Amino acid sequence: MRCDELGHLRKDSLVKTSAARARLVPLCLVALCATQSWGADVVRHKIPDSDFPIAMAVEVPAGRKLVFLSGGGPAIADRAAKPDSVAAYGDTLAQTVSTFEAIRKNLSLLKLEMKDVVKMQVFLVGDPAKDGRIDFAGFMEGYRRYFGAKDQPNLPARSTVKVAGLVNPGWLVEIEVTAVAPE
């Protein structure tokens, strides 16, 4: 029996009692809700009493397509520098902008934009020029060009961690994102 047949039950059907019908209705509603988008929008919850440009949480409604973009790093900025050196890729700010540009291009290939990003994981390596400390200010300067700006105010939920190293010894930045496809 299909859920849409509930209103057309007859006494000679498989479900003969009101109690049995009452048990089926919630099950059918759950099944229906799981397959419907209901046209709901992504909800981004701000961090209370904060202007820090990340979302405290992001709600993605049922039925929306999630796209997981693999982690990526910066492009070479100085071809004259040793290919696996920080000098080849630039400081944290330069690497952040380069990485976000690569993400923007990859999202566009999937018909998505930076505003569709709902989750971000950032991996930062300590900068040798900063005694091994991460350049969080440099990262944030690059990040604010793409998120929380007037032309792109949508903020993702985000984690930022310091790691010992990345696949390329010259990388100070690697970022992966999750986006929600527009309806």
Protein backbone atom coordinates (compact mmCIF):
# COMPACT_ATOMS: atom_id res chain seq x y z
CA MET A 1 0.00 0.00 0.00
CA ARG A 2 1.28 3.48 -0.85
CA CYS A 3 1.18 6.42 1.55
CA ASP A 4 -1.02 8.41 -0.81
CA GLU A 5 -3.66 5.69 -0.52
CA LEU A 6 -4.22 6.27 3.19
CA GLY A 7 -7.18 8.53 2.54
CA HIS A 8 -8.82 5.89 0.38
CA LEU A 9 -8.81 2.95 2.78
CA ARG A 10 -11.92 0.79 2.73
CA LYS A 11 -13.16 -1.66 5.34
CA ASP A 12 -12.05 -4.60 3.19
CA SER A 13 -8.48 -3.30 2.84
CA LEU A 14 -5.47 -4.69 4.68
CA VAL A 15 -5.76 -1.98 7.31
CA LYS A 16 -9.15 -2.42 8.97
CA THR A 17 -8.88 -0.54 12.25
CA SER A 18 -8.37 3.08 13.17
CA ALA A 19 -5.47 2.05 15.40
CA ALA A 20 -3.68 0.38 12.50
CA ARG A 21 -4.23 3.47 10.32
CA ALA A 22 -2.85 5.66 13.11
CA ARG A 23 0.34 3.59 13.16
CA LEU A 24 0.81 3.87 9.39
CA VAL A 25 0.28 7.63 9.09
CA PRO A 26 3.49 8.64 10.96
CA LEU A 27 5.54 6.12 8.96
CA CYS A 28 4.22 7.46 5.68
CA LEU A 29 4.81 11.06 6.76
CA VAL A 30 8.43 10.23 7.63
CA ALA A 31 8.90 8.60 4.23
CA LEU A 32 7.32 11.57 2.48
CA CYS A 33 9.42 14.10 4.40
CA ALA A 34 12.62 12.22 3.58
CA THR A 35 11.95 12.57 -0.14
CA GLN A 36 10.76 16.19 -0.21
CA SER A 37 12.89 19.34 -0.30
CA TRP A 38 9.98 21.59 0.76
CA GLY A 39 11.84 24.51 -0.83
CA ALA A 40 13.68 25.29 2.40
CA ASP A 41 16.77 27.44 2.34
CA VAL A 42 20.16 26.84 3.90
CA VAL A 43 20.18 28.52 7.32
CA ARG A 44 23.41 30.05 8.62
CA HIS A 45 23.51 30.76 12.35
CA LYS A 46 25.81 33.60 13.41
CA ILE A 47 28.02 33.32 16.46
CA PRO A 48 26.15 35.24 19.18
CA ASP A 49 27.70 38.60 20.11
CA SER A 50 30.52 38.17 17.59
CA ASP A 51 31.55 39.66 14.28
CA PHE A 52 34.01 36.84 13.57
CA PRO A 53 33.32 35.81 9.95
CA ILE A 54 32.33 32.17 10.36
CA ALA A 55 28.96 30.60 11.05
CA MET A 56 28.37 28.97 14.41
CA ALA A 57 26.31 26.37 12.56
CA VAL A 58 24.78 25.80 9.14
CA GLU A 59 21.53 23.90 8.56
CA VAL A 60 21.06 22.16 5.22
CA PRO A 61 17.47 21.11 4.52
CA ALA A 62 16.60 17.58 3.45
CA GLY A 63 16.72 16.94 -0.24
CA ARG A 64 19.53 19.38 -1.04
CA LYS A 65 22.59 18.07 -2.89
CA LEU A 66 25.88 18.30 -0.98
CA VAL A 67 29.15 18.58 -2.90
CA PHE A 68 32.38 17.66 -1.13
CA LEU A 69 35.37 19.37 -2.77
CA SER A 70 38.70 17.67 -2.08
CA GLY A 71 41.40 19.59 -0.28
CA GLY A 72 43.67 21.70 -2.40
CA GLY A 73 46.57 24.05 -2.03
CA PRO A 74 48.12 27.03 -3.75
CA ALA A 75 49.55 27.35 -7.24
CA ILE A 76 53.21 28.15 -7.75
CA ALA A 77 53.76 31.90 -7.48
CA ASP A 78 57.49 32.05 -8.23
CA ARG A 79 58.73 29.57 -10.86
CA ALA A 80 62.32 30.61 -10.23
CA ALA A 81 62.16 29.36 -6.63
CA LYS A 82 62.78 25.75 -5.61
CA PRO A 83 59.47 23.91 -6.40
CA ASP A 84 58.97 22.45 -2.91
CA SER A 85 59.84 25.63 -1.02
CA VAL A 86 57.63 28.19 0.71
CA ALA A 87 59.24 30.82 -1.56
CA ALA A 88 57.72 29.08 -4.60
CA TYR A 89 54.18 29.48 -3.23
CA GLY A 90 54.39 32.70 -1.21
CA ASP A 91 53.42 33.63 2.32
CA THR A 92 50.20 32.53 4.03
CA LEU A 93 48.16 35.41 2.56
CA ALA A 94 49.33 34.68 -0.99
CA GLN A 95 48.76 30.93 -0.54
CA THR A 96 45.29 31.51 0.94
CA VAL A 97 44.19 33.68 -1.98
CA SER A 98 45.67 31.24 -4.50
CA THR A 99 43.92 28.31 -2.83
CA PHE A 100 40.57 30.11 -2.71
CA GLU A 101 40.94 31.01 -6.39
CA ALA A 102 41.44 27.31 -7.19
CA ILE A 103 38.39 26.44 -5.08
CA ARG A 104 36.35 29.14 -6.83
CA LYS A 105 37.34 27.75 -10.25
CA ASN A 106 36.57 24.14 -9.25
CA LEU A 107 33.19 25.15 -7.83
CA SER A 108 32.36 27.00 -11.05
CA LEU A 109 33.06 23.81 -13.03
CA LEU A 110 30.29 22.26 -10.92
CA LYS A 111 27.99 25.28 -11.45
CA LEU A 112 28.55 26.40 -7.84
CA GLU A 113 29.88 29.58 -6.26
CA MET A 114 31.70 30.54 -3.07
CA LYS A 115 28.33 31.59 -1.59
CA ASP A 116 27.27 27.92 -1.76
CA VAL A 117 30.04 26.80 0.63
CA VAL A 118 28.56 25.65 3.95
CA LYS A 119 31.52 23.88 5.61
CA MET A 120 35.25 24.49 5.45
CA GLN A 121 38.28 22.77 6.92
CA VAL A 122 41.52 24.73 6.87
CA PHE A 123 44.95 23.23 7.48
CA LEU A 124 47.76 25.69 8.21
CA VAL A 125 51.47 24.95 8.59
CA GLY A 126 53.65 27.10 10.77
CA ASP A 127 55.55 29.63 8.69
CA PRO A 128 59.34 29.32 8.98
CA ALA A 129 59.55 33.14 8.64
CA LYS A 130 57.38 33.41 11.79
CA ASP A 131 59.42 31.03 13.96
CA GLY A 132 57.07 28.16 13.08
CA ARG A 133 53.88 29.94 14.18
CA ILE A 134 50.90 29.96 11.84
CA ASP A 135 50.08 33.28 10.20
CA PHE A 136 46.42 33.34 11.19
CA ALA A 137 46.15 37.06 10.41
CA GLY A 138 47.45 36.44 6.88
CA PHE A 139 44.98 33.60 6.43
CA MET A 140 42.08 35.74 7.70
CA GLU A 141 43.01 38.61 5.38
CA GLY A 142 42.71 36.25 2.41
CA TYR A 143 39.60 34.54 3.80
CA ARG A 144 37.74 37.85 4.22
CA ARG A 145 38.13 38.52 0.49
CA TYR A 146 35.84 35.56 -0.21
CA PHE A 147 33.60 35.22 2.87
CA GLY A 148 31.73 37.80 4.90
CA ALA A 149 32.29 40.55 2.34
CA LYS A 150 29.51 42.82 1.07
CA ASP A 151 29.46 41.06 -2.31
CA GLN A 152 29.54 37.59 -0.66
CA PRO A 153 28.17 37.67 2.91
CA ASN A 154 27.48 33.90 3.28
CA LEU A 155 29.60 32.36 6.01
CA PRO A 156 30.50 28.67 6.29
CA ALA A 157 30.94 26.66 9.46
CA ARG A 158 34.72 26.35 9.67
CA SER A 159 37.54 24.59 11.48
CA THR A 160 41.13 25.79 11.30
CA VAL A 161 43.96 23.61 12.55
CA LYS A 162 47.73 23.82 12.64
CA VAL A 163 49.36 20.76 11.12
CA ALA A 164 52.99 19.63 11.09
CA GLY A 165 53.11 19.52 7.31
CA LEU A 166 51.19 19.06 4.07
CA VAL A 167 51.76 16.92 0.98
CA ASN A 168 53.96 19.62 -0.57
CA PRO A 169 56.64 20.94 1.81
CA GLY A 170 56.20 24.44 0.34
CA TRP A 171 52.51 24.65 1.20
CA LEU A 172 51.44 26.58 4.27
CA VAL A 173 47.74 26.26 3.40
CA GLU A 174 45.35 23.49 2.36
CA ILE A 175 41.57 23.95 2.32
CA GLU A 176 38.66 21.62 1.67
CA VAL A 177 35.04 22.70 1.41
CA THR A 178 31.53 21.33 1.30
CA ALA A 179 28.95 23.21 -0.79
CA VAL A 180 25.20 22.94 -1.25
CA ALA A 181 23.92 22.99 -4.80
CA PRO A 182 21.27 25.66 -5.47
CA GLU A 183 17.77 24.37 -6.04
